[in-house]
Protein backbone atom coordinates (compact mmCIF):
# COMPACT_ATOMS: atom_id res chain seq x y z
CA MET A 1 132.89 116.86 105.01
CA GLY A 2 132.68 114.57 101.76
CA LYS A 3 133.84 111.17 101.76
CA SER A 4 137.00 110.88 99.83
CA THR A 5 136.74 108.33 96.91
CA GLU A 6 140.12 108.09 95.44
CA GLY A 7 141.07 104.42 94.69
CA PHE A 8 137.58 103.50 94.99
CA ARG A 9 136.59 101.13 92.43
CA PRO A 10 133.15 99.71 92.10
CA LEU A 11 132.89 96.02 91.34
CA ARG A 12 130.26 96.93 88.18
CA PRO A 13 129.37 100.28 87.41
CA GLY A 14 126.59 102.17 88.97
CA ILE A 15 126.36 99.58 91.67
CA GLY A 16 128.29 100.58 94.94
CA SER A 17 129.44 103.82 93.58
CA PRO A 18 129.65 106.81 95.49
CA THR A 19 126.74 108.60 92.78
CA SER A 20 124.83 105.68 93.29
CA THR A 21 120.95 106.18 94.36
CA THR A 22 120.48 103.32 96.24
CA PRO A 23 121.07 103.99 99.98
CA LEU A 24 122.04 100.59 101.24
CA LEU A 25 125.07 100.82 98.66
CA ALA A 26 125.79 104.32 98.85
CA GLY A 27 126.53 104.48 102.27
CA GLY A 28 122.90 105.70 103.14
CA HIS A 29 122.13 106.18 106.99
CA TRP A 30 119.73 103.64 108.42
CA GLU A 31 119.09 106.08 111.40
CA ASP A 32 117.44 108.42 109.39
CA ASP A 33 114.88 105.85 108.30
CA ALA A 34 114.42 104.50 111.88
CA GLU A 35 110.56 105.74 112.19
CA MET A 36 110.04 104.42 108.78
CA ILE A 37 111.40 101.05 109.51
CA ARG A 38 109.24 101.01 112.64
CA ARG A 39 106.17 101.94 110.65
CA VAL A 40 106.86 98.88 107.96
CA ASN A 41 107.43 96.63 111.07
CA TRP A 42 104.59 97.20 112.62
CA LYS A 43 102.12 96.71 109.34
CA LEU A 44 104.05 93.53 108.83
CA ASP A 45 103.15 92.31 112.23
CA LEU A 46 99.47 93.26 112.06
CA GLY A 47 99.32 91.29 108.70
CA LEU A 48 101.21 88.35 109.71
CA LEU A 49 100.51 87.70 113.50
CA PRO A 50 96.68 87.07 113.38
CA LEU A 51 97.24 84.33 110.25
CA LEU A 52 100.48 82.42 111.94
CA SER A 53 98.22 82.58 115.22
CA LEU A 54 95.42 80.86 113.58
CA LEU A 55 97.72 78.40 111.72
CA TYR A 56 99.42 77.33 115.10
CA LEU A 57 95.40 77.32 116.68
CA PHE A 58 94.89 74.80 113.75
CA ASN A 59 97.86 72.71 114.38
CA GLY A 60 97.35 72.09 117.69
CA LEU A 61 94.08 70.99 117.13
CA ASP A 62 95.05 68.83 114.40
CA ARG A 63 97.36 67.15 116.82
CA GLY A 64 94.88 66.69 119.37
CA ASN A 65 92.61 64.80 117.11
CA ILE A 66 95.29 62.62 115.47
CA GLY A 67 96.06 61.63 118.89
CA ASN A 68 92.33 61.12 119.97
CA ALA A 69 91.67 58.89 116.60
CA GLN A 70 94.47 56.95 117.86
CA THR A 71 93.43 56.30 121.34
CA GLN A 72 89.97 55.26 119.98
CA GLY A 73 91.69 52.59 117.81
CA ASP A 74 90.85 54.10 114.24
CA SER A 75 93.86 54.91 112.83
CA SER A 76 93.39 53.02 109.63
CA GLN A 77 93.22 56.34 107.86
CA ILE A 78 95.80 58.36 109.68
């Protein structure tokens, strides 16, 4: 049935105790929140991937331009 708390001594009162409301510290179940975690990951992916893709594109363009400038002999301002 319930977990036995005999001999349990939290490091700080209220944190990690069996009555704590924080699910991670109170032995919460991640399996119950799998759908929520999947939706949060999807929202983060939709927000970050376009930005990171643009940064990757601009990085490649910049590297190409620096290489072309060095090839043309105009490396004085690089």
